């Protein structure tokens, strides 16, 4: 009941509130991006959704036009030469993720869940299969994000995603309160900038 109704209801409510209340911030970031590096404001990228379906995630563009699209930043030889000045700031503060409120509203993502893997991250996708973590909707933030984020290796990250999936599938108040815990702990993680090393 929680996973299929109440979780979705909360996703819709909170994403609408976020889109409305933060509209001024959306506009400000968009202007900063264009001034720093003229080009598209929003960056779209193929990601893996629930049941390994493919969808396009939306982010504020943090890299220069012409940068590689489907390569994680940590796999680039010199990622700093691709990242814009504004891009470094919005990544550091996680503001580049704000457009995903739209993905949540559209039902492609949830507020809480495993971060969606790149379509070509076969190792992470396969590892998540072991824990049925690919069978839940990906999220803007999640259990792994507040427990290491970029510092986690793939097996550890997949295990934490699996732990979340198990909690969610159990349903009831326990799943709701676990989502609430992840939600509020995310604010601390973002403010403290814990575990931020690379784009995931």
Protein backbone atom coordinates (compact mmCIF):
# COMPACT_ATOMS: atom_id res chain seq x y z
CA UNK A 1 0.00 0.00 0.00
CA UNK A 2 2.72 2.47 0.97
CA UNK A 3 5.02 1.76 -1.99
CA UNK A 4 2.30 1.93 -4.64
CA UNK A 5 0.03 4.67 -3.27
CA UNK A 6 1.24 6.78 -0.36
CA UNK A 7 4.86 7.00 -1.52
CA UNK A 8 3.69 8.20 -4.93
CA UNK A 9 1.27 10.66 -3.32
CA UNK A 10 4.08 12.14 -1.22
CA UNK A 11 6.34 12.30 -4.29
CA UNK A 12 3.75 14.33 -6.20
CA UNK A 13 3.01 16.64 -3.28
CA UNK A 14 6.64 17.35 -2.35
CA UNK A 15 7.85 17.73 -5.95
CA UNK A 16 5.08 20.26 -6.71
CA UNK A 17 5.91 22.19 -3.53
CA UNK A 18 9.60 22.14 -4.42
CA UNK A 19 9.06 23.27 -8.01
CA UNK A 20 6.86 26.17 -6.89
CA UNK A 21 8.84 27.37 -3.87
CA UNK A 22 12.21 27.04 -5.59
CA UNK A 23 11.17 28.56 -8.92
CA UNK A 24 13.26 31.66 -8.17
CA UNK A 25 16.30 29.47 -7.56
CA UNK A 26 15.68 27.54 -10.78
CA UNK A 27 15.70 30.81 -12.71
CA UNK A 28 18.81 32.11 -10.95
CA UNK A 29 20.82 28.96 -11.62
CA UNK A 30 19.72 28.96 -15.26
CA UNK A 31 20.96 32.53 -15.72
CA UNK A 32 24.28 31.72 -14.04
CA UNK A 33 24.82 28.72 -16.31
CA UNK A 34 24.19 30.70 -19.51
CA UNK A 35 26.46 33.56 -18.43
CA UNK A 36 29.27 31.20 -17.47
CA UNK A 37 29.08 28.96 -20.56
CA UNK A 38 26.44 29.75 -23.23
CA UNK A 39 24.52 26.66 -24.26
CA UNK A 40 21.78 24.35 -22.99
CA UNK A 41 20.69 24.87 -19.39
CA UNK A 42 19.40 21.37 -18.80
CA UNK A 43 21.46 18.23 -19.33
CA UNK A 44 19.68 14.98 -20.20
CA UNK A 45 21.26 11.58 -19.73
CA UNK A 46 20.13 7.97 -20.15
CA UNK A 47 19.66 6.24 -16.81
CA UNK A 48 18.29 2.96 -15.51
CA UNK A 49 14.86 3.11 -13.90
CA UNK A 50 12.63 0.59 -12.16
CA UNK A 51 12.91 -2.96 -13.56
CA UNK A 52 15.93 -1.74 -15.58
CA UNK A 53 13.79 0.38 -17.88
CA UNK A 54 15.60 3.29 -19.53
CA UNK A 55 14.62 6.91 -18.98
CA UNK A 56 16.22 10.33 -19.32
CA UNK A 57 17.26 12.06 -16.13
CA UNK A 58 17.39 15.88 -16.04
CA UNK A 59 20.11 17.94 -14.40
CA UNK A 60 21.45 21.44 -14.63
CA UNK A 61 24.37 21.39 -17.04
CA UNK A 62 27.58 21.57 -15.03
CA UNK A 63 30.01 20.75 -17.83
CA UNK A 64 31.12 22.68 -20.88
CA UNK A 65 29.31 22.14 -24.15
CA UNK A 66 30.90 19.30 -26.10
CA UNK A 67 31.90 17.31 -23.01
CA UNK A 68 31.54 13.49 -23.03
CA UNK A 69 27.93 12.60 -22.19
CA UNK A 70 27.88 9.04 -20.90
CA UNK A 71 31.14 8.88 -18.99
CA UNK A 72 31.09 9.26 -15.18
CA UNK A 73 33.28 12.15 -14.12
CA UNK A 74 35.58 9.92 -12.07
CA UNK A 75 36.46 7.93 -15.20
CA UNK A 76 37.66 11.01 -17.11
CA UNK A 77 41.38 11.62 -17.28
CA UNK A 78 41.02 15.31 -16.35
CA UNK A 79 37.42 16.13 -15.40
CA UNK A 80 38.26 19.63 -14.16
CA UNK A 81 38.87 20.85 -17.70
CA UNK A 82 35.28 19.96 -18.64
CA UNK A 83 33.52 21.42 -15.59
CA UNK A 84 32.42 25.05 -15.63
CA UNK A 85 32.88 27.42 -12.69
CA UNK A 86 29.16 27.44 -11.99
CA UNK A 87 29.14 23.68 -12.54
CA UNK A 88 31.65 23.12 -9.75
CA UNK A 89 29.48 25.15 -7.38
CA UNK A 90 26.16 23.49 -8.19
CA UNK A 91 27.72 20.02 -7.97
CA UNK A 92 29.34 20.79 -4.65
CA UNK A 93 26.00 21.96 -3.27
CA UNK A 94 23.96 19.29 -5.17
CA UNK A 95 21.91 22.06 -6.80
CA UNK A 96 22.52 20.42 -10.18
CA UNK A 97 20.04 17.72 -9.11
CA UNK A 98 17.07 20.08 -8.65
CA UNK A 99 15.54 19.51 -12.13
CA UNK A 100 14.92 15.91 -11.06
CA UNK A 101 11.91 17.22 -9.14
CA UNK A 102 10.30 17.19 -12.59
CA UNK A 103 11.34 13.55 -13.11
CA UNK A 104 9.74 12.75 -9.76
CA UNK A 105 6.52 14.54 -10.66
CA UNK A 106 6.39 12.62 -13.97
CA UNK A 107 6.75 9.32 -12.12
CA UNK A 108 10.16 8.31 -13.50
CA UNK A 109 11.81 8.74 -10.11
CA UNK A 110 10.92 8.93 -6.45
CA UNK A 111 12.16 11.35 -3.83
CA UNK A 112 13.82 8.46 -1.96
CA UNK A 113 15.39 5.44 -3.64
CA UNK A 114 18.64 4.14 -5.14
CA UNK A 115 20.37 6.68 -7.34
CA UNK A 116 19.71 5.72 -10.99
CA UNK A 117 22.72 4.10 -12.64
CA UNK A 118 24.02 5.17 -16.02
CA UNK A 119 22.67 2.95 -18.77
CA UNK A 120 26.19 1.57 -19.36
CA UNK A 121 27.16 0.92 -15.72
CA UNK A 122 26.79 -2.83 -16.17
CA UNK A 123 28.76 -3.67 -13.02
CA UNK A 124 26.50 -1.62 -10.75
CA UNK A 125 23.31 -2.83 -12.45
CA UNK A 126 24.38 -6.47 -12.13
CA UNK A 127 25.35 -6.03 -8.49
CA UNK A 128 21.99 -4.44 -7.70
CA UNK A 129 20.24 -7.42 -9.28
CA UNK A 130 21.59 -9.58 -6.46
CA UNK A 131 19.59 -7.53 -3.96
CA UNK A 132 16.51 -6.78 -6.13
CA UNK A 133 17.45 -3.11 -5.93
CA UNK A 134 16.58 -2.66 -9.61
CA UNK A 135 12.96 -3.49 -8.75
CA UNK A 136 12.28 -0.22 -6.96
CA UNK A 137 11.97 3.24 -8.44
CA UNK A 138 15.26 5.22 -8.38
CA UNK A 139 15.43 8.28 -6.19
CA UNK A 140 16.76 11.78 -5.86
CA UNK A 141 18.45 10.67 -2.66
CA UNK A 142 18.63 7.40 -0.76
CA UNK A 143 20.22 5.23 1.89
CA UNK A 144 23.54 4.97 0.06
CA UNK A 145 23.69 8.75 -0.47
CA UNK A 146 23.60 9.45 3.27
CA UNK A 147 26.04 6.65 4.08
CA UNK A 148 29.07 7.36 1.97
CA UNK A 149 27.77 8.48 -1.41
CA UNK A 150 30.73 8.66 -3.80
CA UNK A 151 33.10 7.08 -1.28
CA UNK A 152 31.29 3.73 -1.51
CA UNK A 153 32.56 1.05 -3.86
CA UNK A 154 30.03 -0.69 -6.11
CA UNK A 155 29.42 -3.79 -3.94
CA UNK A 156 28.83 -1.64 -0.84
CA UNK A 157 26.58 0.77 -2.70
CA UNK A 158 24.52 -2.06 -4.21
CA UNK A 159 24.18 -3.71 -0.79
CA UNK A 160 22.84 -0.48 0.70
CA UNK A 161 20.45 -0.06 -2.23
CA UNK A 162 19.29 -3.59 -1.56
CA UNK A 163 18.78 -2.80 2.11
CA UNK A 164 16.56 0.10 1.11
CA UNK A 165 14.60 -2.05 -1.35
CA UNK A 166 13.96 -4.62 1.37
CA UNK A 167 12.73 -1.93 3.76
CA UNK A 168 10.44 -0.48 1.11
CA UNK A 169 8.99 -3.85 0.12
CA UNK A 170 8.21 -4.56 3.78
CA UNK A 171 5.81 -1.61 3.59
CA UNK A 172 3.80 -0.09 6.40
CA UNK A 173 4.84 2.59 8.83
CA UNK A 174 8.40 1.24 8.98
CA UNK A 175 8.90 2.02 5.27
CA UNK A 176 7.37 5.48 5.68
CA UNK A 177 9.56 6.40 8.65
CA UNK A 178 12.65 5.03 6.91
CA UNK A 179 11.92 7.29 3.93
CA UNK A 180 11.47 10.22 6.31
CA UNK A 181 14.80 9.42 7.95
CA UNK A 182 16.58 9.35 4.56
CA UNK A 183 14.90 12.61 3.57
CA UNK A 184 15.96 14.60 6.63
CA UNK A 185 19.44 13.08 6.83
CA UNK A 186 20.00 14.18 3.23
CA UNK A 187 19.93 17.84 4.29
CA UNK A 188 22.75 17.23 6.75
CA UNK A 189 24.75 15.26 4.17
CA UNK A 190 24.39 18.01 1.55
CA UNK A 191 25.26 20.81 3.98
CA UNK A 192 28.27 18.87 5.29
CA UNK A 193 29.17 17.83 1.71
CA UNK A 194 29.88 14.33 2.98
CA UNK A 195 31.17 11.83 0.48
CA UNK A 196 31.14 14.13 -2.55
CA UNK A 197 33.98 13.19 -4.83
CA UNK A 198 32.55 12.64 -8.27
CA UNK A 199 29.42 12.61 -10.36
CA UNK A 200 27.23 9.51 -9.88
